Amino acid sequence: MTITRYKTAKCTVERPLHIGCPLGEGATRLAEALSASALPLGEAFQLRDDLLGVFGDPNEPGKS
């Protein structure tokens, strides 16, 4: 889960939200709230992607 968190959740989901927060004049509390939802979302995305990569039909998710 640690690898999943840093591989996808933080880099792909959380960090872009943090970058956009100051651009949209977001407050620190907003960044914390975004992290609270972004990390589980990113982890779920990566876990699903891994499962599809191992057990998925190559014609469905587009993975070999």
PDB file of N, CA and C in Angstrom:
ATOM      1  N   MET A   1       0.821  -1.193   0.000  1.00  0.00           N
ATOM      2  CA  MET A   1       0.000   0.000   0.000  1.00  0.00           C
ATOM      3  C   MET A   1       0.867   1.260   0.000  1.00  0.00           C
ATOM      4  N   THR A   2       2.047   1.179   0.604  1.00  0.00           N
ATOM      5  CA  THR A   2       2.935   2.345   0.611  1.00  0.00           C
ATOM      6  C   THR A   2       3.375   2.681  -0.813  1.00  0.00           C
ATOM      7  N   ILE A   3       3.720   1.655  -1.576  1.00  0.00           N
ATOM      8  CA  ILE A   3       4.126   1.881  -2.966  1.00  0.00           C
ATOM      9  C   ILE A   3       2.962   2.452  -3.758  1.00  0.00           C
ATOM     10  N   THR A   4       1.784   1.899  -3.555  1.00  0.00           N
ATOM     11  CA  THR A   4       0.597   2.405  -4.255  1.00  0.00           C
ATOM     12  C   THR A   4       0.350   3.861  -3.911  1.00  0.00           C
ATOM     13  N   ARG A   5       0.493   4.200  -2.632  1.00  0.00           N
ATOM     14  CA  ARG A   5       0.249   5.579  -2.210  1.00  0.00           C
ATOM     15  C   ARG A   5       1.217   6.537  -2.901  1.00  0.00           C
ATOM     16  N   TYR A   6       2.501   6.194  -2.937  1.00  0.00           N
ATOM     17  CA  TYR A   6       3.488   7.112  -3.511  1.00  0.00           C
ATOM     18  C   TYR A   6       3.588   6.989  -5.022  1.00  0.00           C
ATOM     19  N   LYS A   7       3.292   5.817  -5.564  1.00  0.00           N
ATOM     20  CA  LYS A   7       3.394   5.615  -7.007  1.00  0.00           C
ATOM     21  C   LYS A   7       2.294   6.364  -7.758  1.00  0.00           C
ATOM     22  N   THR A   8       1.085   6.280  -7.263  1.00  0.00           N
ATOM     23  CA  THR A   8      -0.034   6.867  -7.990  1.00  0.00           C
ATOM     24  C   THR A   8      -0.779   7.919  -7.199  1.00  0.00           C
ATOM     25  N   ALA A   9      -1.169   7.596  -5.993  1.00  0.00           N
ATOM     26  CA  ALA A   9      -2.055   8.481  -5.243  1.00  0.00           C
ATOM     27  C   ALA A   9      -1.462   9.870  -5.057  1.00  0.00           C
ATOM     28  N   LYS A  10      -0.219   9.941  -4.631  1.00  0.00           N
ATOM     29  CA  LYS A  10       0.381  11.250  -4.378  1.00  0.00           C
ATOM     30  C   LYS A  10       0.790  11.956  -5.665  1.00  0.00           C
ATOM     31  N   CYS A  11       1.414  11.216  -6.572  1.00  0.00           N
ATOM     32  CA  CYS A  11       1.954  11.849  -7.797  1.00  0.00           C
ATOM     33  C   CYS A  11       0.882  12.183  -8.823  1.00  0.00           C
ATOM     34  N   THR A  12      -0.093  11.309  -8.965  1.00  0.00           N
ATOM     35  CA  THR A  12      -1.064  11.481 -10.040  1.00  0.00           C
ATOM     36  C   THR A  12      -2.323  12.221  -9.607  1.00  0.00           C
ATOM     37  N   VAL A  13      -2.702  12.078  -8.350  1.00  0.00           N
ATOM     38  CA  VAL A  13      -3.968  12.666  -7.911  1.00  0.00           C
ATOM     39  C   VAL A  13      -3.751  13.809  -6.922  1.00  0.00           C
ATOM     40  N   GLU A  14      -3.056  13.530  -5.831  1.00  0.00           N
ATOM     41  CA  GLU A  14      -2.935  14.540  -4.771  1.00  0.00           C
ATOM     42  C   GLU A  14      -2.108  15.756  -5.209  1.00  0.00           C
ATOM     43  N   ARG A  15      -0.926  15.532  -5.749  1.00  0.00           N
ATOM     44  CA  ARG A  15      -0.026  16.652  -6.065  1.00  0.00           C
ATOM     45  C   ARG A  15      -0.622  17.621  -7.094  1.00  0.00           C
ATOM     46  N   PRO A  16      -1.259  17.141  -8.173  1.00  0.00           N
ATOM     47  CA  PRO A  16      -1.880  18.110  -9.086  1.00  0.00           C
ATOM     48  C   PRO A  16      -2.942  18.979  -8.405  1.00  0.00           C
ATOM     49  N   LEU A  17      -3.676  18.401  -7.464  1.00  0.00           N
ATOM     50  CA  LEU A  17      -4.664  19.196  -6.728  1.00  0.00           C
ATOM     51  C   LEU A  17      -3.975  20.241  -5.867  1.00  0.00           C
ATOM     52  N   HIS A  18      -2.860  19.865  -5.250  1.00  0.00           N
ATOM     53  CA  HIS A  18      -2.113  20.826  -4.435  1.00  0.00           C
ATOM     54  C   HIS A  18      -1.528  21.944  -5.294  1.00  0.00           C
ATOM     55  N   ILE A  19      -1.092  21.607  -6.490  1.00  0.00           N
ATOM     56  CA  ILE A  19      -0.548  22.631  -7.393  1.00  0.00           C
ATOM     57  C   ILE A  19      -1.639  23.604  -7.805  1.00  0.00           C
ATOM     58  N   GLY A  20      -2.819  23.089  -8.072  1.00  0.00           N
ATOM     59  CA  GLY A  20      -3.921  23.939  -8.495  1.00  0.00           C
ATOM     60  C   GLY A  20      -4.521  24.761  -7.373  1.00  0.00           C
ATOM     61  N   CYS A  21      -4.346  24.331  -6.149  1.00  0.00           N
ATOM     62  CA  CYS A  21      -4.945  25.020  -5.005  1.00  0.00           C
ATOM     63  C   CYS A  21      -4.501  26.483  -4.905  1.00  0.00           C
ATOM     64  N   PRO A  22      -3.203  26.791  -4.916  1.00  0.00           N
ATOM     65  CA  PRO A  22      -2.808  28.201  -4.845  1.00  0.00           C
ATOM     66  C   PRO A  22      -3.179  28.984  -6.108  1.00  0.00           C
ATOM     67  N   LEU A  23      -3.196  28.291  -7.234  1.00  0.00           N
ATOM     68  CA  LEU A  23      -3.585  28.975  -8.470  1.00  0.00           C
ATOM     69  C   LEU A  23      -5.028  29.447  -8.391  1.00  0.00           C
ATOM     70  N   GLY A  24      -5.847  28.679  -7.698  1.00  0.00           N
ATOM     71  CA  GLY A  24      -7.236  29.057  -7.489  1.00  0.00           C
ATOM     72  C   GLY A  24      -7.439  29.771  -6.170  1.00  0.00           C
ATOM     73  N   GLU A  25      -6.354  30.250  -5.587  1.00  0.00           N
ATOM     74  CA  GLU A  25      -6.374  30.953  -4.315  1.00  0.00           C
ATOM     75  C   GLU A  25      -6.997  30.115  -3.203  1.00  0.00           C
ATOM     76  N   GLY A  26      -6.668  28.817  -3.206  1.00  0.00           N
ATOM     77  CA  GLY A  26      -7.187  27.919  -2.184  1.00  0.00           C
ATOM     78  C   GLY A  26      -6.420  28.050  -0.889  1.00  0.00           C
ATOM     79  N   ALA A  27      -7.085  27.776   0.186  1.00  0.00           N
ATOM     80  CA  ALA A  27      -6.483  27.876   1.518  1.00  0.00           C
ATOM     81  C   ALA A  27      -5.869  26.542   1.916  1.00  0.00           C
ATOM     82  N   THR A  28      -5.116  26.556   2.993  1.00  0.00           N
ATOM     83  CA  THR A  28      -4.491  25.346   3.510  1.00  0.00           C
ATOM     84  C   THR A  28      -5.538  24.310   3.874  1.00  0.00           C
ATOM     85  N   ARG A  29      -6.633  24.746   4.450  1.00  0.00           N
ATOM     86  CA  ARG A  29      -7.704  23.801   4.800  1.00  0.00           C
ATOM     87  C   ARG A  29      -8.253  23.110   3.572  1.00  0.00           C
ATOM     88  N   LEU A  30      -8.323  23.832   2.462  1.00  0.00           N
ATOM     89  CA  LEU A  30      -8.796  23.222   1.218  1.00  0.00           C
ATOM     90  C   LEU A  30      -7.812  22.158   0.753  1.00  0.00           C
ATOM     91  N   ALA A  31      -6.514  22.436   0.829  1.00  0.00           N
ATOM     92  CA  ALA A  31      -5.502  21.462   0.421  1.00  0.00           C
ATOM     93  C   ALA A  31      -5.594  20.207   1.283  1.00  0.00           C
ATOM     94  N   GLU A  32      -5.828  20.375   2.575  1.00  0.00           N
ATOM     95  CA  GLU A  32      -5.979  19.222   3.463  1.00  0.00           C
ATOM     96  C   GLU A  32      -7.214  18.409   3.108  1.00  0.00           C
ATOM     97  N   ALA A  33      -8.298  19.087   2.798  1.00  0.00           N
ATOM     98  CA  ALA A  33      -9.526  18.391   2.408  1.00  0.00           C
ATOM     99  C   ALA A  33      -9.336  17.654   1.086  1.00  0.00           C
ATOM    100  N   LEU A  34      -8.624  18.275   0.163  1.00  0.00           N
ATOM    101  CA  LEU A  34      -8.358  17.620  -1.117  1.00  0.00           C
ATOM    102  C   LEU A  34      -7.509  16.371  -0.917  1.00  0.00           C
ATOM    103  N   SER A  35      -6.519  16.448  -0.042  1.00  0.00           N
ATOM    104  CA  SER A  35      -5.681  15.283   0.253  1.00  0.00           C
ATOM    105  C   SER A  35      -6.505  14.150   0.852  1.00  0.00           C
ATOM    106  N   ALA A  36      -7.422  14.494   1.732  1.00  0.00           N
ATOM    107  CA  ALA A  36      -8.241  13.476   2.393  1.00  0.00           C
ATOM    108  C   ALA A  36      -9.057  12.670   1.393  1.00  0.00           C
ATOM    109  N   SER A  37      -9.450  13.279   0.296  1.00  0.00           N
ATOM    110  CA  SER A  37     -10.209  12.540  -0.711  1.00  0.00           C
ATOM    111  C   SER A  37      -9.318  12.033  -1.846  1.00  0.00           C
ATOM    112  N   ALA A  38      -8.236  12.731  -2.135  1.00  0.00           N
ATOM    113  CA  ALA A  38      -7.380  12.360  -3.263  1.00  0.00           C
ATOM    114  C   ALA A  38      -6.581  11.094  -3.002  1.00  0.00           C
ATOM    115  N   LEU A  39      -6.069  10.927  -1.796  1.00  0.00           N
ATOM    116  CA  LEU A  39      -5.240   9.753  -1.515  1.00  0.00           C
ATOM    117  C   LEU A  39      -6.021   8.443  -1.632  1.00  0.00           C
ATOM    118  N   PRO A  40      -7.182   8.308  -1.008  1.00  0.00           N
ATOM    119  CA  PRO A  40      -7.936   7.060  -1.195  1.00  0.00           C
ATOM    120  C   PRO A  40      -8.368   6.854  -2.655  1.00  0.00           C
ATOM    121  N   LEU A  41      -8.698   7.921  -3.338  1.00  0.00           N
ATOM    122  CA  LEU A  41      -9.086   7.812  -4.739  1.00  0.00           C
ATOM    123  C   LEU A  41      -7.918   7.318  -5.592  1.00  0.00           C
ATOM    124  N   GLY A  42      -6.747   7.883  -5.372  1.00  0.00           N
ATOM    125  CA  GLY A  42      -5.571   7.456  -6.121  1.00  0.00           C
ATOM    126  C   GLY A  42      -5.185   6.025  -5.821  1.00  0.00           C
ATOM    127  N   GLU A  43      -5.298   5.622  -4.557  1.00  0.00           N
ATOM    128  CA  GLU A  43      -5.001   4.243  -4.187  1.00  0.00           C
ATOM    129  C   GLU A  43      -5.987   3.283  -4.837  1.00  0.00           C
ATOM    130  N   ALA A  44      -7.256   3.623  -4.818  1.00  0.00           N
ATOM    131  CA  ALA A  44      -8.267   2.775  -5.442  1.00  0.00           C
ATOM    132  C   ALA A  44      -8.021   2.651  -6.941  1.00  0.00           C
ATOM    133  N   PHE A  45      -7.668   3.752  -7.580  1.00  0.00           N
ATOM    134  CA  PHE A  45      -7.370   3.718  -9.011  1.00  0.00           C
ATOM    135  C   PHE A  45      -6.217   2.759  -9.293  1.00  0.00           C
ATOM    136  N   GLN A  46      -5.130   2.860  -8.514  1.00  0.00           N
ATOM    137  CA  GLN A  46      -3.960   2.025  -8.761  1.00  0.00           C
ATOM    138  C   GLN A  46      -4.252   0.560  -8.493  1.00  0.00           C
ATOM    139  N   LEU A  47      -4.978   0.264  -7.423  1.00  0.00           N
ATOM    140  CA  LEU A  47      -5.317  -1.123  -7.127  1.00  0.00           C
ATOM    141  C   LEU A  47      -6.180  -1.731  -8.219  1.00  0.00           C
ATOM    142  N   ARG A  48      -7.144  -0.973  -8.712  1.00  0.00           N
ATOM    143  CA  ARG A  48      -7.995  -1.459  -9.800  1.00  0.00           C
ATOM    144  C   ARG A  48      -7.166  -1.683 -11.057  1.00  0.00           C
ATOM    145  N   ASP A  49      -6.276  -0.757 -11.344  1.00  0.00           N
ATOM    146  CA  ASP A  49      -5.420  -0.879 -12.512  1.00  0.00           C
ATOM    147  C   ASP A  49      -4.534  -2.118 -12.411  1.00  0.00           C
ATOM    148  N   ASP A  50      -3.997  -2.372 -11.224  1.00  0.00           N
ATOM    149  CA  ASP A  50      -3.169  -3.564 -11.019  1.00  0.00           C
ATOM    150  C   ASP A  50      -3.979  -4.845 -11.196  1.00  0.00           C
ATOM    151  N   LEU A  51      -5.189  -4.875 -10.641  1.00  0.00           N
ATOM    152  CA  LEU A  51      -6.042  -6.057 -10.797  1.00  0.00           C
ATOM    153  C   LEU A  51      -6.392  -6.304 -12.258  1.00  0.00           C
ATOM    154  N   LEU A  52      -6.716  -5.245 -12.977  1.00  0.00           N
ATOM    155  CA  LEU A  52      -7.026  -5.404 -14.395  1.00  0.00           C
ATOM    156  C   LEU A  52      -5.806  -5.863 -15.177  1.00  0.00           C
ATOM    157  N   GLY A  53      -4.633  -5.390 -14.767  1.00  0.00           N
ATOM    158  CA  GLY A  53      -3.410  -5.799 -15.439  1.00  0.00           C
ATOM    159  C   GLY A  53      -3.116  -7.281 -15.271  1.00  0.00           C
ATOM    160  N   VAL A  54      -3.510  -7.848 -14.143  1.00  0.00           N
ATOM    161  CA  VAL A  54      -3.236  -9.257 -13.873  1.00  0.00           C
ATOM    162  C   VAL A  54      -4.385 -10.158 -14.320  1.00  0.00           C
ATOM    163  N   PHE A  55      -5.606  -9.771 -13.980  1.00  0.00           N
ATOM    164  CA  PHE A  55      -6.745 -10.652 -14.204  1.00  0.00           C
ATOM    165  C   PHE A  55      -7.692 -10.178 -15.302  1.00  0.00           C
ATOM    166  N   GLY A  56      -7.495  -8.988 -15.831  1.00  0.00           N
ATOM    167  CA  GLY A  56      -8.441  -8.426 -16.784  1.00  0.00           C
ATOM    168  C   GLY A  56      -8.349  -9.034 -18.169  1.00  0.00           C
ATOM    169  N   ASP A  57      -9.406  -8.915 -18.893  1.00  0.00           N
ATOM    170  CA  ASP A  57      -9.455  -9.334 -20.284  1.00  0.00           C
ATOM    171  C   ASP A  57      -8.723  -8.289 -21.116  1.00  0.00           C
ATOM    172  N   PRO A  58      -7.730  -8.713 -21.899  1.00  0.00           N
ATOM    173  CA  PRO A  58      -6.951  -7.739 -22.669  1.00  0.00           C
ATOM    174  C   PRO A  58      -7.803  -6.889 -23.620  1.00  0.00           C
ATOM    175  N   ASN A  59      -8.942  -7.406 -24.013  1.00  0.00           N
ATOM    176  CA  ASN A  59      -9.816  -6.649 -24.924  1.00  0.00           C
ATOM    177  C   ASN A  59     -10.660  -5.611 -24.206  1.00  0.00           C
ATOM    178  N   GLU A  60     -10.886  -5.795 -22.925  1.00  0.00           N
ATOM    179  CA  GLU A  60     -11.717  -4.861 -22.167  1.00  0.00           C
ATOM    180  C   GLU A  60     -10.959  -3.617 -21.698  1.00  0.00           C
ATOM    181  N   PRO A  61      -9.955  -3.768 -20.827  1.00  0.00           N
ATOM    182  CA  PRO A  61      -9.280  -2.549 -20.338  1.00  0.00           C
ATOM    183  C   PRO A  61      -8.213  -2.035 -21.286  1.00  0.00           C
ATOM    184  N   GLY A  62      -7.947  -2.778 -22.358  1.00  0.00           N
ATOM    185  CA  GLY A  62      -6.920  -2.330 -23.287  1.00  0.00           C
ATOM    186  C   GLY A  62      -5.519  -2.655 -22.830  1.00  0.00           C
ATOM    187  N   LYS A  63      -5.395  -3.629 -21.929  1.00  0.00           N
ATOM    188  CA  LYS A  63      -4.065  -4.028 -21.432  1.00  0.00           C
ATOM    189  C   LYS A  63      -3.679  -5.353 -22.042  1.00  0.00           C
ATOM    190  N   SER A  64      -2.386  -5.529 -22.225  1.00  0.00           N
ATOM    191  CA  SER A  64      -1.902  -6.799 -22.797  1.00  0.00           C
ATOM    192  C   SER A  64      -1.783  -7.861 -21.720  1.00  0.00           C
TER     193      SER A  64
END
